[in-house]
N, C-alpha and C. Protein backbone atom coordinates (compact mmCIF):
# COMPACT_ATOMS: atom_id res chain seq x y z
N MET A 1 -9.05 -20.50 23.83
CA MET A 1 -8.32 -19.32 23.41
C MET A 1 -8.06 -19.35 21.90
N LYS A 2 -7.87 -20.55 21.36
CA LYS A 2 -7.62 -20.65 19.92
C LYS A 2 -8.80 -20.12 19.11
N ILE A 3 -10.00 -20.35 19.58
CA ILE A 3 -11.18 -19.87 18.86
C ILE A 3 -11.26 -18.35 18.92
N VAL A 4 -10.93 -17.77 20.07
CA VAL A 4 -10.92 -16.30 20.20
C VAL A 4 -9.91 -15.69 19.24
N VAL A 5 -8.72 -16.29 19.17
CA VAL A 5 -7.68 -15.79 18.27
C VAL A 5 -8.12 -15.94 16.81
N LEU A 6 -8.71 -17.06 16.48
CA LEU A 6 -9.20 -17.28 15.11
C LEU A 6 -10.27 -16.25 14.73
N ILE A 7 -11.21 -16.01 15.62
CA ILE A 7 -12.26 -15.02 15.36
C ILE A 7 -11.64 -13.63 15.21
N ALA A 8 -10.72 -13.27 16.10
CA ALA A 8 -10.07 -11.95 16.03
C ALA A 8 -9.29 -11.81 14.73
N ARG A 9 -8.58 -12.88 14.34
CA ARG A 9 -7.79 -12.84 13.10
C ARG A 9 -8.69 -12.67 11.88
N ILE A 10 -9.80 -13.38 11.84
CA ILE A 10 -10.71 -13.29 10.70
C ILE A 10 -11.40 -11.92 10.67
N LEU A 11 -11.85 -11.44 11.82
CA LEU A 11 -12.50 -10.12 11.86
C LEU A 11 -11.53 -9.01 11.44
N LEU A 12 -10.31 -9.08 11.96
CA LEU A 12 -9.30 -8.08 11.60
C LEU A 12 -8.97 -8.16 10.12
N GLY A 13 -8.82 -9.38 9.62
CA GLY A 13 -8.55 -9.57 8.19
C GLY A 13 -9.67 -9.04 7.32
N LEU A 14 -10.92 -9.34 7.68
CA LEU A 14 -12.06 -8.84 6.92
C LEU A 14 -12.12 -7.32 6.94
N MET A 15 -11.89 -6.75 8.11
CA MET A 15 -11.92 -5.30 8.25
C MET A 15 -10.94 -4.64 7.27
N PHE A 16 -9.72 -5.15 7.24
CA PHE A 16 -8.70 -4.52 6.40
C PHE A 16 -8.84 -4.87 4.92
N VAL A 17 -9.35 -6.05 4.61
CA VAL A 17 -9.60 -6.37 3.19
C VAL A 17 -10.70 -5.47 2.65
N VAL A 18 -11.79 -5.32 3.41
CA VAL A 18 -12.91 -4.50 2.96
C VAL A 18 -12.47 -3.05 2.78
N PHE A 19 -11.82 -2.47 3.79
CA PHE A 19 -11.44 -1.06 3.68
C PHE A 19 -10.26 -0.85 2.74
N GLY A 20 -9.39 -1.84 2.62
CA GLY A 20 -8.31 -1.74 1.63
C GLY A 20 -8.87 -1.77 0.21
N LEU A 21 -9.79 -2.68 -0.05
CA LEU A 21 -10.42 -2.74 -1.37
C LEU A 21 -11.25 -1.48 -1.65
N ASN A 22 -11.93 -0.99 -0.61
CA ASN A 22 -12.73 0.21 -0.79
C ASN A 22 -11.87 1.40 -1.21
N GLY A 23 -10.63 1.41 -0.75
CA GLY A 23 -9.73 2.48 -1.14
C GLY A 23 -9.47 2.50 -2.64
N PHE A 24 -9.53 1.34 -3.27
CA PHE A 24 -9.30 1.24 -4.71
C PHE A 24 -10.60 1.26 -5.51
N LEU A 25 -11.65 0.62 -4.99
CA LEU A 25 -12.88 0.43 -5.76
C LEU A 25 -14.02 1.38 -5.37
N HIS A 26 -13.94 2.01 -4.21
CA HIS A 26 -14.93 2.99 -3.74
C HIS A 26 -16.36 2.45 -3.77
N PHE A 27 -16.58 1.29 -3.15
CA PHE A 27 -17.92 0.69 -3.13
C PHE A 27 -18.71 1.04 -1.88
N ILE A 28 -18.07 1.66 -0.87
CA ILE A 28 -18.79 2.12 0.31
C ILE A 28 -19.06 3.61 0.11
N PRO A 29 -20.33 4.02 0.09
CA PRO A 29 -20.63 5.44 -0.14
C PRO A 29 -20.02 6.32 0.95
N GLN A 30 -19.43 7.41 0.53
CA GLN A 30 -18.80 8.36 1.44
C GLN A 30 -19.73 9.55 1.61
N PRO A 31 -20.22 9.81 2.82
CA PRO A 31 -21.08 10.98 3.01
C PRO A 31 -20.26 12.26 2.82
N PRO A 32 -20.92 13.35 2.44
CA PRO A 32 -20.18 14.61 2.29
C PRO A 32 -19.54 15.00 3.63
N MET A 33 -18.33 15.50 3.55
CA MET A 33 -17.61 15.87 4.76
C MET A 33 -17.72 17.38 4.98
N GLU A 34 -17.99 17.75 6.23
CA GLU A 34 -18.03 19.16 6.58
C GLU A 34 -16.61 19.72 6.58
N ALA A 35 -16.50 21.01 6.34
CA ALA A 35 -15.19 21.65 6.37
C ALA A 35 -14.61 21.55 7.79
N SER A 36 -13.43 20.94 7.89
CA SER A 36 -12.76 20.78 9.18
C SER A 36 -11.29 20.47 8.91
N ASP A 37 -10.51 20.45 9.97
CA ASP A 37 -9.10 20.07 9.83
C ASP A 37 -8.97 18.63 9.34
N MET A 38 -9.89 17.75 9.79
CA MET A 38 -9.87 16.35 9.35
C MET A 38 -10.12 16.26 7.85
N THR A 39 -11.06 17.04 7.34
CA THR A 39 -11.36 17.04 5.91
C THR A 39 -10.15 17.52 5.12
N THR A 40 -9.53 18.58 5.57
CA THR A 40 -8.35 19.12 4.90
C THR A 40 -7.22 18.09 4.90
N PHE A 41 -6.98 17.46 6.05
CA PHE A 41 -5.94 16.45 6.17
C PHE A 41 -6.23 15.26 5.25
N SER A 42 -7.47 14.78 5.27
CA SER A 42 -7.85 13.63 4.44
C SER A 42 -7.69 13.94 2.95
N MET A 43 -8.14 15.11 2.55
CA MET A 43 -8.04 15.49 1.13
C MET A 43 -6.58 15.58 0.70
N LEU A 44 -5.72 16.09 1.56
CA LEU A 44 -4.30 16.15 1.25
C LEU A 44 -3.72 14.76 1.05
N LEU A 45 -4.08 13.82 1.93
CA LEU A 45 -3.58 12.45 1.80
C LEU A 45 -4.07 11.80 0.50
N PHE A 46 -5.32 12.02 0.15
CA PHE A 46 -5.86 11.41 -1.07
C PHE A 46 -5.29 12.06 -2.32
N ARG A 47 -5.23 13.37 -2.36
CA ARG A 47 -4.73 14.07 -3.55
C ARG A 47 -3.26 13.79 -3.81
N SER A 48 -2.50 13.56 -2.75
CA SER A 48 -1.06 13.29 -2.92
C SER A 48 -0.80 11.83 -3.26
N HIS A 49 -1.84 11.00 -3.28
CA HIS A 49 -1.74 9.55 -3.52
C HIS A 49 -1.00 8.82 -2.40
N TYR A 50 -0.87 9.46 -1.25
CA TYR A 50 -0.25 8.83 -0.08
C TYR A 50 -1.03 7.59 0.34
N MET A 51 -2.34 7.62 0.15
CA MET A 51 -3.18 6.53 0.62
C MET A 51 -3.10 5.28 -0.25
N VAL A 52 -2.57 5.38 -1.45
CA VAL A 52 -2.48 4.20 -2.32
C VAL A 52 -1.66 3.09 -1.67
N PRO A 53 -0.42 3.37 -1.21
CA PRO A 53 0.31 2.29 -0.53
C PRO A 53 -0.32 1.88 0.80
N VAL A 54 -0.99 2.81 1.47
CA VAL A 54 -1.66 2.45 2.72
C VAL A 54 -2.79 1.47 2.45
N PHE A 55 -3.59 1.74 1.42
CA PHE A 55 -4.66 0.79 1.06
C PHE A 55 -4.07 -0.55 0.61
N ALA A 56 -2.96 -0.52 -0.09
CA ALA A 56 -2.30 -1.77 -0.52
C ALA A 56 -1.83 -2.56 0.70
N LEU A 57 -1.24 -1.88 1.69
CA LEU A 57 -0.80 -2.57 2.91
C LEU A 57 -1.99 -3.15 3.66
N GLN A 58 -3.09 -2.40 3.70
CA GLN A 58 -4.30 -2.91 4.36
C GLN A 58 -4.80 -4.17 3.66
N LEU A 59 -4.84 -4.13 2.35
CA LEU A 59 -5.34 -5.27 1.57
C LEU A 59 -4.43 -6.49 1.74
N ILE A 60 -3.13 -6.28 1.59
CA ILE A 60 -2.18 -7.39 1.72
C ILE A 60 -2.21 -7.98 3.13
N GLY A 61 -2.14 -7.11 4.14
CA GLY A 61 -2.19 -7.58 5.53
C GLY A 61 -3.48 -8.31 5.84
N GLY A 62 -4.59 -7.77 5.38
CA GLY A 62 -5.88 -8.41 5.61
C GLY A 62 -5.98 -9.76 4.94
N LEU A 63 -5.50 -9.85 3.70
CA LEU A 63 -5.53 -11.14 2.98
C LEU A 63 -4.66 -12.18 3.68
N LEU A 64 -3.49 -11.77 4.14
CA LEU A 64 -2.62 -12.71 4.85
C LEU A 64 -3.30 -13.23 6.12
N LEU A 65 -3.99 -12.34 6.82
CA LEU A 65 -4.72 -12.79 8.02
C LEU A 65 -5.84 -13.76 7.66
N LEU A 66 -6.55 -13.47 6.59
CA LEU A 66 -7.66 -14.33 6.20
C LEU A 66 -7.20 -15.71 5.75
N ILE A 67 -6.10 -15.77 5.00
CA ILE A 67 -5.64 -17.09 4.54
C ILE A 67 -4.82 -17.82 5.61
N GLY A 68 -4.45 -17.09 6.67
CA GLY A 68 -3.74 -17.74 7.79
C GLY A 68 -2.28 -18.03 7.52
N ARG A 69 -1.67 -17.30 6.61
CA ARG A 69 -0.25 -17.49 6.28
C ARG A 69 0.50 -16.20 6.59
N PHE A 70 1.73 -16.32 7.05
CA PHE A 70 2.58 -15.16 7.33
C PHE A 70 1.90 -14.17 8.28
N ILE A 71 1.30 -14.70 9.34
CA ILE A 71 0.58 -13.87 10.30
C ILE A 71 1.49 -12.81 10.93
N PRO A 72 2.72 -13.14 11.34
CA PRO A 72 3.58 -12.09 11.91
C PRO A 72 3.86 -10.96 10.90
N LEU A 73 4.01 -11.30 9.63
CA LEU A 73 4.20 -10.28 8.61
C LEU A 73 2.95 -9.40 8.49
N ALA A 74 1.79 -10.02 8.49
CA ALA A 74 0.53 -9.27 8.42
C ALA A 74 0.41 -8.31 9.59
N LEU A 75 0.73 -8.78 10.78
CA LEU A 75 0.66 -7.92 11.97
C LEU A 75 1.66 -6.77 11.88
N THR A 76 2.83 -7.07 11.33
CA THR A 76 3.85 -6.03 11.16
C THR A 76 3.40 -4.97 10.15
N LEU A 77 2.73 -5.38 9.09
CA LEU A 77 2.23 -4.43 8.10
C LEU A 77 1.08 -3.60 8.65
N LEU A 78 0.20 -4.22 9.42
CA LEU A 78 -1.02 -3.54 9.87
C LEU A 78 -0.82 -2.73 11.15
N GLY A 79 0.17 -3.05 11.94
CA GLY A 79 0.42 -2.32 13.19
C GLY A 79 0.56 -0.81 12.99
N PRO A 80 1.46 -0.37 12.10
CA PRO A 80 1.58 1.08 11.88
C PRO A 80 0.33 1.72 11.29
N VAL A 81 -0.41 0.98 10.50
CA VAL A 81 -1.65 1.52 9.93
C VAL A 81 -2.64 1.78 11.07
N ILE A 82 -2.76 0.85 11.99
CA ILE A 82 -3.67 1.02 13.13
C ILE A 82 -3.22 2.19 14.00
N VAL A 83 -1.93 2.30 14.25
CA VAL A 83 -1.42 3.42 15.04
C VAL A 83 -1.78 4.74 14.38
N ASN A 84 -1.62 4.83 13.07
CA ASN A 84 -1.96 6.06 12.36
C ASN A 84 -3.46 6.35 12.39
N ILE A 85 -4.27 5.31 12.31
CA ILE A 85 -5.72 5.50 12.42
C ILE A 85 -6.05 6.08 13.79
N LEU A 86 -5.47 5.51 14.83
CA LEU A 86 -5.73 6.00 16.19
C LEU A 86 -5.25 7.43 16.38
N ILE A 87 -4.03 7.73 15.96
CA ILE A 87 -3.50 9.08 16.12
C ILE A 87 -4.33 10.09 15.35
N THR A 88 -4.68 9.77 14.12
CA THR A 88 -5.47 10.69 13.30
C THR A 88 -6.79 11.02 13.97
N HIS A 89 -7.46 10.00 14.50
CA HIS A 89 -8.76 10.26 15.12
C HIS A 89 -8.62 10.93 16.49
N ILE A 90 -7.58 10.63 17.22
CA ILE A 90 -7.36 11.32 18.49
C ILE A 90 -7.13 12.80 18.25
N VAL A 91 -6.33 13.13 17.24
CA VAL A 91 -5.97 14.52 16.97
C VAL A 91 -7.09 15.28 16.26
N PHE A 92 -7.71 14.68 15.25
CA PHE A 92 -8.64 15.41 14.40
C PHE A 92 -10.12 15.12 14.65
N GLN A 93 -10.45 13.88 14.95
CA GLN A 93 -11.87 13.51 15.01
C GLN A 93 -12.11 12.39 16.02
N PRO A 94 -12.13 12.72 17.31
CA PRO A 94 -12.32 11.68 18.33
C PRO A 94 -13.60 10.87 18.16
N SER A 95 -14.61 11.41 17.51
CA SER A 95 -15.85 10.65 17.32
C SER A 95 -15.65 9.43 16.42
N GLY A 96 -14.60 9.42 15.61
CA GLY A 96 -14.32 8.29 14.74
C GLY A 96 -13.39 7.27 15.36
N LEU A 97 -13.09 7.41 16.63
CA LEU A 97 -12.13 6.55 17.31
C LEU A 97 -12.58 5.11 17.55
N PRO A 98 -13.86 4.82 17.84
CA PRO A 98 -14.25 3.44 18.18
C PRO A 98 -13.82 2.36 17.18
N PRO A 99 -13.98 2.53 15.85
CA PRO A 99 -13.51 1.46 14.96
C PRO A 99 -11.99 1.24 15.06
N GLY A 100 -11.24 2.30 15.28
CA GLY A 100 -9.79 2.15 15.45
C GLY A 100 -9.46 1.39 16.72
N ILE A 101 -10.22 1.63 17.78
CA ILE A 101 -10.00 0.91 19.03
C ILE A 101 -10.34 -0.57 18.85
N VAL A 102 -11.40 -0.86 18.13
CA VAL A 102 -11.76 -2.26 17.85
C VAL A 102 -10.63 -2.94 17.08
N ALA A 103 -10.11 -2.27 16.06
CA ALA A 103 -9.00 -2.83 15.27
C ALA A 103 -7.78 -3.05 16.15
N ALA A 104 -7.48 -2.11 17.03
CA ALA A 104 -6.32 -2.24 17.91
C ALA A 104 -6.48 -3.41 18.88
N VAL A 105 -7.67 -3.57 19.42
CA VAL A 105 -7.91 -4.69 20.35
C VAL A 105 -7.79 -6.02 19.62
N LEU A 106 -8.39 -6.12 18.44
CA LEU A 106 -8.27 -7.36 17.66
C LEU A 106 -6.81 -7.64 17.33
N TRP A 107 -6.07 -6.60 16.93
CA TRP A 107 -4.65 -6.75 16.61
C TRP A 107 -3.89 -7.27 17.83
N LEU A 108 -4.16 -6.69 19.00
CA LEU A 108 -3.47 -7.12 20.22
C LEU A 108 -3.78 -8.58 20.58
N VAL A 109 -5.01 -9.01 20.37
CA VAL A 109 -5.38 -10.41 20.64
C VAL A 109 -4.57 -11.34 19.75
N VAL A 110 -4.50 -11.01 18.46
CA VAL A 110 -3.75 -11.86 17.52
C VAL A 110 -2.25 -11.77 17.83
N PHE A 111 -1.76 -10.56 18.10
CA PHE A 111 -0.34 -10.39 18.43
C PHE A 111 0.04 -11.22 19.64
N PHE A 112 -0.78 -11.19 20.68
CA PHE A 112 -0.49 -11.95 21.90
C PHE A 112 -0.35 -13.43 21.59
N ALA A 113 -1.17 -13.96 20.70
CA ALA A 113 -1.12 -15.37 20.35
C ALA A 113 0.14 -15.71 19.55
N TYR A 114 0.69 -14.74 18.82
CA TYR A 114 1.87 -14.97 17.97
C TYR A 114 3.10 -14.26 18.53
N ARG A 115 3.09 -13.89 19.81
CA ARG A 115 4.16 -13.09 20.39
C ARG A 115 5.53 -13.73 20.33
N GLU A 116 5.60 -15.04 20.32
CA GLU A 116 6.91 -15.71 20.28
C GLU A 116 7.67 -15.38 19.00
N TYR A 117 6.96 -15.08 17.92
CA TYR A 117 7.61 -14.76 16.66
C TYR A 117 8.18 -13.34 16.63
N PHE A 118 7.85 -12.56 17.64
CA PHE A 118 8.35 -11.19 17.74
C PHE A 118 9.42 -11.05 18.82
N ALA A 119 9.82 -12.15 19.43
CA ALA A 119 10.76 -12.10 20.55
C ALA A 119 12.07 -11.41 20.16
N GLY A 120 12.53 -11.62 18.95
CA GLY A 120 13.81 -11.05 18.52
C GLY A 120 13.83 -9.54 18.49
N ILE A 121 12.71 -8.90 18.25
CA ILE A 121 12.73 -7.43 18.17
C ILE A 121 12.73 -6.79 19.55
N PHE A 122 12.51 -7.57 20.59
CA PHE A 122 12.54 -7.04 21.94
C PHE A 122 13.86 -7.36 22.65
N ALA A 123 14.89 -7.74 21.89
CA ALA A 123 16.20 -8.03 22.46
C ALA A 123 16.92 -6.72 22.75
N ALA A 124 17.24 -6.47 24.04
CA ALA A 124 17.88 -5.22 24.43
C ALA A 124 19.35 -5.17 24.00
N ASP A 125 20.03 -6.28 24.05
CA ASP A 125 21.46 -6.32 23.74
C ASP A 125 21.71 -7.11 22.46
N ALA A 126 21.02 -6.76 21.40
CA ALA A 126 21.16 -7.49 20.13
C ALA A 126 22.54 -7.27 19.54
N LYS A 127 23.07 -8.32 18.97
CA LYS A 127 24.40 -8.27 18.32
C LYS A 127 24.20 -8.56 16.83
N PRO A 128 25.05 -7.98 15.99
CA PRO A 128 24.93 -8.29 14.56
C PRO A 128 25.24 -9.75 14.29
N ALA A 129 24.60 -10.30 13.27
CA ALA A 129 24.79 -11.71 12.93
C ALA A 129 26.15 -11.96 12.29
N VAL A 130 26.75 -10.95 11.73
CA VAL A 130 28.02 -11.11 11.01
C VAL A 130 29.19 -11.01 11.93
């Protein structure tokens, strides 16, 4: 199981480092997009610079996964990004869903291995520390 988790962690880290860096450096060619709601939504996100912190979170989370440090933090940073990828493709472009599903499955594999570090957030009757 450790090897499966290691492979999932490295693949997930690589995925987010590559796409996070691509957000800043634009080294993956982008094919022209047809006019659609997805195109309009994407252009709005890019023009408003909303994607800058998203790409930064992808890069930071991916790097943390690759170096194997602060894995729970990396999962916490990348979880909402993956959810947004899935929701965006479900709503606007279901044909782009498979890479998001792969990312979600890899995330779940790594999360399951590190689940003990998230036990505190699932406390139903949490009390303040003070």
